[in-house]
């Protein structure tokens, strides 16, 4: 809730650790769970007739549902990600750093 009250961030960024623990966890979950679910279920839906001809007895509706759930999860991640880019000191601060991959890190003296 501190983000809405302009409180200091609970995690200090350094040049070595650009992502906070929640960002690391969210990107890891995207790469390990949601993206593979989308790829596998999409391939199953795309090659459904060929898989049926090879003797695989699979439900198209089940894989379509799994694919749709994965797509909604990816969309939710995208919307939250886009919103979080507007929470900097200026609305475009984090957007520019997201595009360029560089952000000014305040050094402690």
Protein backbone atom coordinates (compact mmCIF):
# COMPACT_ATOMS: atom_id res chain seq x y z
CA UNK A 1 0.00 0.00 0.00
CA UNK A 2 3.01 2.27 0.42
CA UNK A 3 3.13 2.88 -3.33
CA UNK A 4 -0.10 4.89 -3.05
CA UNK A 5 1.17 7.00 -0.14
CA UNK A 6 4.56 7.89 -1.62
CA UNK A 7 6.40 5.86 1.01
CA UNK A 8 9.96 4.71 0.32
CA UNK A 9 10.34 1.42 -1.47
CA UNK A 10 10.97 -1.59 0.79
CA UNK A 11 13.66 -2.87 -1.57
CA UNK A 12 16.79 -0.94 -2.51
CA UNK A 13 17.86 -1.29 -6.13
CA UNK A 14 21.50 -1.76 -6.97
CA UNK A 15 23.19 -2.17 -10.34
CA UNK A 16 23.57 -5.90 -9.58
CA UNK A 17 19.96 -6.50 -8.50
CA UNK A 18 17.65 -4.59 -10.79
CA UNK A 19 14.52 -6.58 -9.96
CA UNK A 20 12.90 -6.80 -6.55
CA UNK A 21 11.87 -10.21 -5.17
CA UNK A 22 8.24 -9.89 -6.32
CA UNK A 23 9.34 -8.99 -9.85
CA UNK A 24 11.67 -11.98 -9.93
CA UNK A 25 8.90 -14.28 -8.74
CA UNK A 26 6.37 -12.94 -11.26
CA UNK A 27 8.76 -13.23 -14.22
CA UNK A 28 9.78 -16.72 -13.10
CA UNK A 29 6.13 -17.81 -12.89
CA UNK A 30 5.49 -16.43 -16.38
CA UNK A 31 8.49 -18.29 -17.84
CA UNK A 32 8.01 -21.57 -15.98
CA UNK A 33 4.23 -21.92 -15.86
CA UNK A 34 2.09 -19.63 -17.99
CA UNK A 35 4.22 -19.50 -21.14
CA UNK A 36 4.72 -23.30 -21.36
CA UNK A 37 0.98 -23.84 -20.75
CA UNK A 38 0.17 -21.46 -23.61
CA UNK A 39 2.69 -23.06 -25.97
CA UNK A 40 1.75 -26.68 -25.25
CA UNK A 41 -2.01 -26.13 -25.23
CA UNK A 42 -1.75 -24.00 -28.37
CA UNK A 43 0.19 -26.71 -30.19
CA UNK A 44 -2.30 -29.36 -29.08
CA UNK A 45 -5.20 -27.24 -30.35
CA UNK A 46 -3.39 -26.48 -33.61
CA UNK A 47 -2.48 -30.11 -34.33
CA UNK A 48 -5.64 -31.61 -32.84
CA UNK A 49 -6.71 -33.49 -35.97
CA UNK A 50 -3.23 -34.93 -36.51
CA UNK A 51 -3.06 -36.07 -32.87
CA UNK A 52 -6.46 -37.74 -33.19
CA UNK A 53 -5.31 -39.51 -36.37
CA UNK A 54 -2.22 -40.80 -34.53
CA UNK A 55 -4.46 -42.36 -31.89
CA UNK A 56 -4.28 -39.84 -29.07
CA UNK A 57 -7.62 -39.59 -27.30
CA UNK A 58 -7.66 -36.02 -26.02
CA UNK A 59 -10.45 -33.56 -25.36
CA UNK A 60 -10.27 -30.45 -27.51
CA UNK A 61 -12.52 -28.58 -25.09
CA UNK A 62 -10.18 -29.22 -22.16
CA UNK A 63 -7.12 -27.91 -23.99
CA UNK A 64 -9.07 -24.94 -25.33
CA UNK A 65 -10.12 -24.10 -21.76
CA UNK A 66 -6.54 -24.47 -20.47
CA UNK A 67 -5.30 -22.26 -23.30
CA UNK A 68 -7.95 -19.62 -22.57
CA UNK A 69 -7.09 -19.57 -18.85
CA UNK A 70 -3.40 -19.19 -19.71
CA UNK A 71 -4.23 -16.34 -22.09
CA UNK A 72 -6.24 -14.55 -19.40
CA UNK A 73 -3.39 -14.95 -16.89
CA UNK A 74 -0.95 -13.51 -19.42
CA UNK A 75 -3.34 -10.62 -20.11
CA UNK A 76 -3.69 -9.91 -16.38
CA UNK A 77 0.10 -9.86 -16.08
CA UNK A 78 0.34 -7.45 -19.02
CA UNK A 79 -2.27 -5.04 -17.62
CA UNK A 80 -0.65 -5.01 -14.16
CA UNK A 81 2.77 -4.58 -15.75
CA UNK A 82 1.57 -1.61 -17.80
CA UNK A 83 -0.04 -0.02 -14.74
CA UNK A 84 3.10 -0.45 -12.62
CA UNK A 85 5.15 1.43 -15.22
CA UNK A 86 3.11 4.55 -14.42
CA UNK A 87 3.92 4.55 -10.69
CA UNK A 88 7.27 6.36 -10.92
CA UNK A 89 7.96 9.99 -10.06
CA UNK A 90 6.68 10.89 -13.52
CA UNK A 91 4.24 8.66 -15.44
CA UNK A 92 6.82 7.82 -18.13
CA UNK A 93 9.83 7.22 -15.82
CA UNK A 94 9.53 3.44 -15.60
CA UNK A 95 8.22 3.13 -19.17
CA UNK A 96 11.42 4.65 -20.55
CA UNK A 97 13.58 2.44 -18.33
CA UNK A 98 11.56 -0.63 -19.36
CA UNK A 99 12.13 0.12 -23.06
CA UNK A 100 15.80 1.06 -22.76
CA UNK A 101 16.70 -1.45 -20.03
CA UNK A 102 18.44 1.26 -18.02
CA UNK A 103 17.31 3.05 -14.91
CA UNK A 104 19.08 5.58 -12.72
CA UNK A 105 19.97 3.95 -9.42
CA UNK A 106 20.56 6.27 -6.53
CA UNK A 107 23.91 5.51 -4.92
CA UNK A 108 24.20 5.73 -1.15
CA UNK A 109 27.03 7.98 0.03
